[in-house]
Amino acid sequence: MRKWLTRAVLPVCMLLLWLLLNQSVSWGQVLVGAALGIWLGWASMRLRPLKARPRRIWLLPGLVWRVFVDVVRSNWAVAQFVWRPRLPMSPGFLEVPLELRDPHGLAMMACIITYTPGTVLVDISTNHIMTLHVLDLQNEEEWISLIKRRYERTLIEVFD
């Protein structure tokens, strides 16, 4: 039963997205959206070599909230640099050693870093060192602590 439910999530989400984008809930749109959702869901399952095995999914809403708050704060900080170009800014590169090993967790970490304005993910090496470019790098240890405490710890609990 659980396997069936997990396979139904992607087609249902794609159907809802189709209906939302078309701004119509007519029978024709529902049928086309359902057909596309089932077909694209099946096709994408065939392309995935690894299956995600998240364990503590109830931790994800807290992570999403923290990312949302950090994105809003980072937008404000970047806006301050744009509005007041005379503010001192010290861009730089930063290396963060990661304990996270799961590829799905690493992908989520990459998305989180990329979504946050003022930070750019440059590389995650094979020895699990994440290289970032930070718009305002004042204190490297503070950045490393922030990433490990706010994001990596939760991702390890969910995926590893």
N, C-alpha and C. Protein backbone atom coordinates (compact mmCIF):
# COMPACT_ATOMS: atom_id res chain seq x y z
N MET A 1 0.83 -1.20 0.00
CA MET A 1 0.00 0.00 0.00
C MET A 1 0.87 1.26 0.00
N ARG A 2 1.92 1.24 0.84
CA ARG A 2 2.77 2.42 0.93
C ARG A 2 3.51 2.68 -0.40
N LYS A 3 3.95 1.61 -1.05
CA LYS A 3 4.65 1.75 -2.33
C LYS A 3 3.73 2.39 -3.37
N TRP A 4 2.46 1.99 -3.37
CA TRP A 4 1.49 2.57 -4.29
C TRP A 4 1.29 4.04 -4.00
N LEU A 5 1.22 4.40 -2.71
CA LEU A 5 1.00 5.81 -2.35
C LEU A 5 2.19 6.67 -2.76
N THR A 6 3.41 6.17 -2.54
CA THR A 6 4.58 6.98 -2.91
C THR A 6 4.68 7.15 -4.42
N ARG A 7 4.22 6.17 -5.18
CA ARG A 7 4.25 6.31 -6.64
C ARG A 7 3.14 7.22 -7.15
N ALA A 8 2.11 7.44 -6.37
CA ALA A 8 0.99 8.28 -6.79
C ALA A 8 1.22 9.75 -6.48
N VAL A 9 2.17 10.06 -5.62
CA VAL A 9 2.38 11.45 -5.21
C VAL A 9 2.81 12.32 -6.40
N LEU A 10 3.79 11.88 -7.17
CA LEU A 10 4.29 12.69 -8.29
C LEU A 10 3.21 12.93 -9.36
N PRO A 11 2.50 11.91 -9.83
CA PRO A 11 1.44 12.18 -10.82
C PRO A 11 0.34 13.10 -10.30
N VAL A 12 -0.04 12.94 -9.05
CA VAL A 12 -1.09 13.81 -8.48
C VAL A 12 -0.59 15.25 -8.41
N CYS A 13 0.65 15.44 -7.97
CA CYS A 13 1.21 16.81 -7.93
C CYS A 13 1.30 17.41 -9.33
N MET A 14 1.68 16.59 -10.31
CA MET A 14 1.77 17.09 -11.68
C MET A 14 0.39 17.43 -12.23
N LEU A 15 -0.62 16.64 -11.88
CA LEU A 15 -1.99 16.95 -12.28
C LEU A 15 -2.43 18.28 -11.69
N LEU A 16 -2.19 18.47 -10.40
CA LEU A 16 -2.57 19.73 -9.75
C LEU A 16 -1.83 20.92 -10.36
N LEU A 17 -0.56 20.74 -10.65
CA LEU A 17 0.21 21.81 -11.29
C LEU A 17 -0.34 22.11 -12.68
N TRP A 18 -0.70 21.08 -13.44
CA TRP A 18 -1.29 21.26 -14.77
C TRP A 18 -2.57 22.08 -14.68
N LEU A 19 -3.44 21.70 -13.74
CA LEU A 19 -4.71 22.42 -13.58
C LEU A 19 -4.48 23.86 -13.14
N LEU A 20 -3.50 24.06 -12.28
CA LEU A 20 -3.19 25.42 -11.81
C LEU A 20 -2.66 26.28 -12.95
N LEU A 21 -1.77 25.72 -13.75
CA LEU A 21 -1.19 26.48 -14.86
C LEU A 21 -2.23 26.79 -15.94
N ASN A 22 -3.17 25.88 -16.15
CA ASN A 22 -4.20 26.11 -17.16
C ASN A 22 -5.39 26.89 -16.63
N GLN A 23 -5.45 27.09 -15.33
CA GLN A 23 -6.53 27.84 -14.68
C GLN A 23 -7.90 27.32 -15.10
N SER A 24 -7.99 25.98 -15.16
CA SER A 24 -9.24 25.36 -15.56
C SER A 24 -9.35 23.99 -14.91
N VAL A 25 -10.57 23.63 -14.52
CA VAL A 25 -10.82 22.32 -13.94
C VAL A 25 -11.84 21.58 -14.81
N SER A 26 -11.81 21.83 -16.10
CA SER A 26 -12.73 21.15 -17.01
C SER A 26 -12.31 19.69 -17.14
N TRP A 27 -13.25 18.85 -17.60
CA TRP A 27 -12.97 17.43 -17.73
C TRP A 27 -11.82 17.17 -18.70
N GLY A 28 -11.75 17.94 -19.75
CA GLY A 28 -10.66 17.78 -20.72
C GLY A 28 -9.30 18.05 -20.10
N GLN A 29 -9.22 19.14 -19.35
CA GLN A 29 -7.95 19.48 -18.69
C GLN A 29 -7.58 18.44 -17.64
N VAL A 30 -8.58 17.93 -16.92
CA VAL A 30 -8.31 16.91 -15.90
C VAL A 30 -7.79 15.64 -16.58
N LEU A 31 -8.38 15.24 -17.69
CA LEU A 31 -7.93 14.04 -18.39
C LEU A 31 -6.53 14.21 -18.97
N VAL A 32 -6.28 15.35 -19.61
CA VAL A 32 -4.95 15.60 -20.17
C VAL A 32 -3.91 15.67 -19.05
N GLY A 33 -4.24 16.38 -17.97
CA GLY A 33 -3.32 16.49 -16.84
C GLY A 33 -3.05 15.15 -16.19
N ALA A 34 -4.08 14.33 -16.04
CA ALA A 34 -3.90 13.00 -15.45
C ALA A 34 -3.03 12.13 -16.34
N ALA A 35 -3.29 12.16 -17.65
CA ALA A 35 -2.49 11.36 -18.58
C ALA A 35 -1.03 11.81 -18.55
N LEU A 36 -0.80 13.11 -18.60
CA LEU A 36 0.58 13.61 -18.54
C LEU A 36 1.24 13.28 -17.21
N GLY A 37 0.48 13.44 -16.12
CA GLY A 37 1.03 13.14 -14.80
C GLY A 37 1.43 11.69 -14.67
N ILE A 38 0.59 10.79 -15.13
CA ILE A 38 0.90 9.36 -15.05
C ILE A 38 2.08 9.02 -15.95
N TRP A 39 2.05 9.51 -17.19
CA TRP A 39 3.12 9.20 -18.12
C TRP A 39 4.46 9.81 -17.67
N LEU A 40 4.48 11.09 -17.32
CA LEU A 40 5.73 11.72 -16.90
C LEU A 40 6.22 11.17 -15.57
N GLY A 41 5.29 10.84 -14.66
CA GLY A 41 5.69 10.21 -13.40
C GLY A 41 6.34 8.86 -13.63
N TRP A 42 5.76 8.06 -14.52
CA TRP A 42 6.34 6.76 -14.85
C TRP A 42 7.70 6.93 -15.52
N ALA A 43 7.80 7.86 -16.47
CA ALA A 43 9.06 8.08 -17.18
C ALA A 43 10.15 8.57 -16.24
N SER A 44 9.80 9.46 -15.32
CA SER A 44 10.83 9.98 -14.41
C SER A 44 11.28 8.94 -13.40
N MET A 45 10.39 8.02 -13.02
CA MET A 45 10.79 6.94 -12.09
C MET A 45 11.83 6.04 -12.75
N ARG A 46 11.73 5.87 -14.05
CA ARG A 46 12.69 5.02 -14.76
C ARG A 46 14.07 5.68 -14.86
N LEU A 47 14.13 6.99 -14.76
CA LEU A 47 15.40 7.71 -14.88
C LEU A 47 16.18 7.78 -13.57
N ARG A 48 15.53 7.50 -12.45
CA ARG A 48 16.16 7.65 -11.15
C ARG A 48 16.86 6.36 -10.72
N PRO A 49 18.20 6.36 -10.67
CA PRO A 49 18.89 5.14 -10.25
C PRO A 49 18.78 4.90 -8.74
N LEU A 50 18.73 5.96 -7.94
CA LEU A 50 18.67 5.84 -6.49
C LEU A 50 17.29 6.22 -5.98
N LYS A 51 16.81 5.48 -5.03
CA LYS A 51 15.54 5.81 -4.39
C LYS A 51 15.82 6.55 -3.09
N ALA A 52 15.11 7.61 -2.86
CA ALA A 52 15.26 8.35 -1.60
C ALA A 52 14.59 7.56 -0.49
N ARG A 53 15.22 7.52 0.66
CA ARG A 53 14.66 6.84 1.83
C ARG A 53 14.64 7.79 3.02
N PRO A 54 13.84 8.85 2.94
CA PRO A 54 13.78 9.77 4.08
C PRO A 54 13.14 9.08 5.28
N ARG A 55 13.69 9.34 6.47
CA ARG A 55 13.20 8.67 7.67
C ARG A 55 12.29 9.55 8.51
N ARG A 56 12.76 10.69 8.88
CA ARG A 56 12.01 11.57 9.78
C ARG A 56 11.44 12.75 9.00
N ILE A 57 10.41 12.48 8.23
CA ILE A 57 9.83 13.49 7.34
C ILE A 57 9.21 14.64 8.13
N TRP A 58 8.75 14.38 9.35
CA TRP A 58 8.11 15.43 10.16
C TRP A 58 9.08 16.55 10.51
N LEU A 59 10.39 16.36 10.30
CA LEU A 59 11.36 17.42 10.56
C LEU A 59 11.44 18.42 9.39
N LEU A 60 10.95 18.03 8.22
CA LEU A 60 11.08 18.88 7.04
C LEU A 60 10.31 20.20 7.11
N PRO A 61 9.09 20.26 7.69
CA PRO A 61 8.43 21.57 7.78
C PRO A 61 9.24 22.60 8.57
N GLY A 62 9.92 22.17 9.62
CA GLY A 62 10.78 23.09 10.36
C GLY A 62 11.95 23.57 9.51
N LEU A 63 12.51 22.66 8.72
CA LEU A 63 13.59 23.04 7.83
C LEU A 63 13.11 24.03 6.77
N VAL A 64 11.94 23.76 6.21
CA VAL A 64 11.38 24.66 5.20
C VAL A 64 11.15 26.05 5.81
N TRP A 65 10.67 26.10 7.04
CA TRP A 65 10.45 27.39 7.70
C TRP A 65 11.78 28.12 7.91
N ARG A 66 12.81 27.40 8.36
CA ARG A 66 14.12 28.04 8.56
C ARG A 66 14.68 28.58 7.25
N VAL A 67 14.52 27.79 6.17
CA VAL A 67 15.00 28.25 4.85
C VAL A 67 14.22 29.49 4.42
N PHE A 68 12.90 29.49 4.62
CA PHE A 68 12.09 30.65 4.27
C PHE A 68 12.55 31.90 5.02
N VAL A 69 12.75 31.77 6.32
CA VAL A 69 13.21 32.91 7.13
C VAL A 69 14.58 33.38 6.66
N ASP A 70 15.48 32.44 6.38
CA ASP A 70 16.82 32.82 5.92
C ASP A 70 16.79 33.48 4.54
N VAL A 71 15.91 33.03 3.68
CA VAL A 71 15.79 33.65 2.35
C VAL A 71 15.28 35.08 2.49
N VAL A 72 14.31 35.30 3.35
CA VAL A 72 13.79 36.66 3.57
C VAL A 72 14.89 37.55 4.15
N ARG A 73 15.60 37.05 5.16
CA ARG A 73 16.69 37.84 5.75
C ARG A 73 17.79 38.14 4.74
N SER A 74 18.14 37.14 3.93
CA SER A 74 19.19 37.35 2.93
C SER A 74 18.75 38.32 1.85
N ASN A 75 17.48 38.26 1.46
CA ASN A 75 16.97 39.24 0.50
C ASN A 75 17.11 40.64 1.05
N TRP A 76 16.78 40.81 2.32
CA TRP A 76 16.90 42.13 2.95
C TRP A 76 18.36 42.58 2.98
N ALA A 77 19.27 41.68 3.34
CA ALA A 77 20.68 42.04 3.41
C ALA A 77 21.23 42.41 2.03
N VAL A 78 20.87 41.64 1.01
CA VAL A 78 21.33 41.95 -0.34
C VAL A 78 20.72 43.27 -0.82
N ALA A 79 19.47 43.51 -0.48
CA ALA A 79 18.83 44.78 -0.84
C ALA A 79 19.55 45.95 -0.20
N GLN A 80 20.02 45.77 1.03
CA GLN A 80 20.77 46.84 1.70
C GLN A 80 22.05 47.17 0.94
N PHE A 81 22.73 46.14 0.42
CA PHE A 81 23.94 46.38 -0.37
C PHE A 81 23.62 47.10 -1.68
N VAL A 82 22.45 46.81 -2.25
CA VAL A 82 22.06 47.45 -3.50
C VAL A 82 21.63 48.89 -3.25
N TRP A 83 20.84 49.10 -2.20
CA TRP A 83 20.33 50.45 -1.92
C TRP A 83 21.41 51.37 -1.37
N ARG A 84 22.32 50.81 -0.63
CA ARG A 84 23.41 51.62 -0.05
C ARG A 84 24.74 51.04 -0.52
N PRO A 85 25.16 51.41 -1.71
CA PRO A 85 26.37 50.80 -2.27
C PRO A 85 27.65 51.13 -1.50
N ARG A 86 27.59 52.06 -0.57
CA ARG A 86 28.79 52.42 0.18
C ARG A 86 29.01 51.54 1.40
N LEU A 87 28.07 50.64 1.68
CA LEU A 87 28.27 49.72 2.80
C LEU A 87 29.47 48.83 2.52
N PRO A 88 30.29 48.58 3.53
CA PRO A 88 31.45 47.71 3.29
C PRO A 88 30.99 46.28 3.02
N MET A 89 31.58 45.69 2.00
CA MET A 89 31.22 44.34 1.62
C MET A 89 32.51 43.56 1.41
N SER A 90 32.55 42.35 1.90
CA SER A 90 33.75 41.53 1.74
C SER A 90 33.39 40.15 1.20
N PRO A 91 33.24 40.03 -0.12
CA PRO A 91 32.91 38.74 -0.71
C PRO A 91 34.09 37.78 -0.59
N GLY A 92 33.78 36.51 -0.56
CA GLY A 92 34.85 35.53 -0.46
C GLY A 92 34.35 34.11 -0.61
N PHE A 93 35.30 33.20 -0.70
CA PHE A 93 34.99 31.78 -0.81
C PHE A 93 35.14 31.13 0.55
N LEU A 94 34.36 30.10 0.75
CA LEU A 94 34.27 29.44 2.04
C LEU A 94 34.18 27.94 1.81
N GLU A 95 34.92 27.17 2.59
CA GLU A 95 34.84 25.71 2.51
C GLU A 95 34.19 25.17 3.76
N VAL A 96 33.12 24.38 3.57
CA VAL A 96 32.36 23.82 4.69
C VAL A 96 32.51 22.29 4.63
N PRO A 97 33.15 21.69 5.65
CA PRO A 97 33.22 20.23 5.68
C PRO A 97 31.85 19.66 6.06
N LEU A 98 31.39 18.70 5.28
CA LEU A 98 30.05 18.13 5.50
C LEU A 98 30.13 16.73 6.08
N GLU A 99 29.22 16.44 6.99
CA GLU A 99 29.06 15.09 7.52
C GLU A 99 27.95 14.36 6.76
N LEU A 100 27.15 15.09 6.04
CA LEU A 100 26.04 14.54 5.26
C LEU A 100 26.58 13.72 4.10
N ARG A 101 26.09 12.49 3.93
CA ARG A 101 26.59 11.61 2.89
C ARG A 101 25.53 11.22 1.86
N ASP A 102 24.28 11.27 2.20
CA ASP A 102 23.22 10.83 1.31
C ASP A 102 23.12 11.79 0.11
N PRO A 103 23.07 11.27 -1.13
CA PRO A 103 23.00 12.15 -2.30
C PRO A 103 21.74 13.01 -2.34
N HIS A 104 20.62 12.50 -1.82
CA HIS A 104 19.40 13.30 -1.80
C HIS A 104 19.52 14.44 -0.80
N GLY A 105 20.13 14.17 0.35
CA GLY A 105 20.37 15.22 1.33
C GLY A 105 21.34 16.27 0.81
N LEU A 106 22.37 15.82 0.09
CA LEU A 106 23.32 16.76 -0.51
C LEU A 106 22.64 17.62 -1.57
N ALA A 107 21.73 17.02 -2.33
CA ALA A 107 20.99 17.79 -3.34
C ALA A 107 20.11 18.84 -2.67
N MET A 108 19.46 18.46 -1.57
CA MET A 108 18.64 19.44 -0.84
C MET A 108 19.50 20.56 -0.27
N MET A 109 20.68 20.20 0.24
CA MET A 109 21.60 21.22 0.77
C MET A 109 22.01 22.17 -0.35
N ALA A 110 22.29 21.63 -1.53
CA ALA A 110 22.67 22.48 -2.67
C ALA A 110 21.53 23.42 -3.04
N CYS A 111 20.31 22.93 -3.03
CA CYS A 111 19.15 23.78 -3.35
C CYS A 111 18.98 24.88 -2.30
N ILE A 112 19.11 24.53 -1.05
CA ILE A 112 18.95 25.51 0.03
C ILE A 112 19.98 26.62 -0.12
N ILE A 113 21.23 26.25 -0.35
CA ILE A 113 22.29 27.26 -0.49
C ILE A 113 22.03 28.12 -1.72
N THR A 114 21.59 27.51 -2.80
CA THR A 114 21.36 28.25 -4.03
C THR A 114 20.17 29.20 -3.91
N TYR A 115 19.13 28.79 -3.17
CA TYR A 115 17.95 29.64 -3.01
C TYR A 115 18.23 30.88 -2.17
N THR A 116 19.23 30.81 -1.31
CA THR A 116 19.50 31.92 -0.40
C THR A 116 20.30 32.99 -1.12
N PRO A 117 19.75 34.19 -1.28
CA PRO A 117 20.48 35.27 -1.95
C PRO A 117 21.77 35.61 -1.21
N GLY A 118 22.80 35.90 -1.97
CA GLY A 118 24.08 36.26 -1.38
C GLY A 118 25.01 35.07 -1.22
N THR A 119 24.53 33.86 -1.50
CA THR A 119 25.38 32.67 -1.45
C THR A 119 25.24 31.90 -2.76
N VAL A 120 26.34 31.34 -3.20
CA VAL A 120 26.34 30.52 -4.41
C VAL A 120 27.14 29.27 -4.11
N LEU A 121 26.56 28.13 -4.40
CA LEU A 121 27.27 26.86 -4.26
C LEU A 121 28.22 26.72 -5.44
N VAL A 122 29.49 26.54 -5.15
CA VAL A 122 30.49 26.40 -6.20
C VAL A 122 30.77 24.93 -6.49
N ASP A 123 30.93 24.13 -5.41
CA ASP A 123 31.30 22.73 -5.61
C ASP A 123 31.03 21.94 -4.34
N ILE A 124 30.72 20.67 -4.52
CA ILE A 124 30.75 19.70 -3.42
C ILE A 124 31.72 18.62 -3.88
N SER A 125 32.87 18.56 -3.25
CA SER A 125 33.91 17.63 -3.70
C SER A 125 33.61 16.21 -3.24
N THR A 126 34.37 15.27 -3.78
CA THR A 126 34.17 13.86 -3.43
C THR A 126 34.51 13.57 -1.98
N ASN A 127 35.33 14.41 -1.36
CA ASN A 127 35.62 14.23 0.07
C ASN A 127 34.69 15.07 0.94
N HIS A 128 33.53 15.43 0.38
CA HIS A 128 32.43 16.09 1.08
C HIS A 128 32.83 17.43 1.70
N ILE A 129 33.48 18.24 0.90
CA ILE A 129 33.75 19.63 1.28
C ILE A 129 32.98 20.50 0.30
N MET A 130 32.09 21.33 0.86
CA MET A 130 31.25 22.20 0.06
C MET A 130 31.92 23.57 -0.04
N THR A 131 32.13 24.03 -1.25
CA THR A 131 32.73 25.34 -1.48
C THR A 131 31.63 26.32 -1.86
N LEU A 132 31.58 27.43 -1.15
CA LEU A 132 30.56 28.46 -1.38
C LEU A 132 31.23 29.79 -1.70
N HIS A 133 30.52 30.62 -2.43
CA HIS A 133 30.90 32.01 -2.56
C HIS A 133 29.85 32.81 -1.80
N VAL A 134 30.32 33.63 -0.88
CA VAL A 134 29.44 34.41 -0.02
C VAL A 134 29.64 35.88 -0.32
N LEU A 135 28.53 36.59 -0.45
CA LEU A 135 28.58 38.02 -0.79
C LEU A 135 29.25 38.85 0.30
N ASP A 136 28.97 38.55 1.54
CA ASP A 136 29.54 39.31 2.66
C ASP A 136 30.11 38.34 3.69
N LEU A 137 31.35 37.96 3.50
CA LEU A 137 32.02 36.98 4.35
C LEU A 137 32.80 37.71 5.44
N GLN A 138 32.16 37.88 6.59
CA GLN A 138 32.82 38.54 7.72
C GLN A 138 33.54 37.52 8.61
N ASN A 139 32.85 36.42 8.92
CA ASN A 139 33.37 35.44 9.85
C ASN A 139 33.10 34.04 9.30
N GLU A 140 34.16 33.34 8.88
CA GLU A 140 34.01 32.02 8.28
C GLU A 140 33.42 31.01 9.26
N GLU A 141 33.88 31.03 10.50
CA GLU A 141 33.39 30.07 11.49
C GLU A 141 31.90 30.25 11.75
N GLU A 142 31.44 31.48 11.72
CA GLU A 142 30.01 31.74 11.92
C GLU A 142 29.18 31.15 10.78
N TRP A 143 29.67 31.29 9.55
CA TRP A 143 28.97 30.73 8.39
C TRP A 143 28.95 29.20 8.46
N ILE A 144 30.09 28.60 8.80
CA ILE A 144 30.16 27.14 8.89
C ILE A 144 29.21 26.64 9.97
N SER A 145 29.21 27.30 11.11
CA SER A 145 28.32 26.91 12.20
C SER A 145 26.86 27.06 11.80
N LEU A 146 26.53 28.15 11.11
CA LEU A 146 25.15 28.39 10.67
C LEU A 146 24.68 27.28 9.73
N ILE A 147 25.47 26.92 8.77
CA ILE A 147 25.09 25.90 7.79
C ILE A 147 24.95 24.54 8.45
N LYS A 148 25.90 24.20 9.31
CA LYS A 148 25.85 22.89 9.96
C LYS A 148 24.69 22.81 10.95
N ARG A 149 24.44 23.88 11.69
CA ARG A 149 23.41 23.87 12.72
C ARG A 149 22.01 23.98 12.13
N ARG A 150 21.82 24.89 11.18
CA ARG A 150 20.47 25.16 10.68
C ARG A 150 20.01 24.21 9.58
N TYR A 151 20.94 23.68 8.79
CA TYR A 151 20.54 22.87 7.66
C TYR A 151 21.05 21.43 7.75
N GLU A 152 22.36 21.27 7.90
CA GLU A 152 22.95 19.94 7.80
C GLU A 152 22.44 18.99 8.89
N ARG A 153 22.31 19.47 10.10
CA ARG A 153 21.85 18.60 11.19
C ARG A 153 20.49 17.98 10.87
N THR A 154 19.56 18.79 10.40
CA THR A 154 18.23 18.28 10.06
C THR A 154 18.29 17.33 8.86
N LEU A 155 19.07 17.68 7.86
CA LEU A 155 19.18 16.81 6.68
C LEU A 155 19.79 15.46 7.02
N ILE A 156 20.75 15.45 7.95
CA ILE A 156 21.32 14.18 8.40
C ILE A 156 20.25 13.35 9.11
N GLU A 157 19.45 13.97 9.96
CA GLU A 157 18.40 13.24 10.66
C GLU A 157 17.36 12.69 9.69
N VAL A 158 17.09 13.40 8.62
CA VAL A 158 16.06 12.95 7.67
C VAL A 158 16.61 11.88 6.72
N PHE A 159 17.82 12.05 6.21
CA PHE A 159 18.30 11.18 5.13
C PHE A 159 19.33 10.14 5.55
N ASP A 160 20.21 10.43 6.49
CA ASP A 160 21.26 9.45 6.85
C ASP A 160 20.78 8.49 7.91
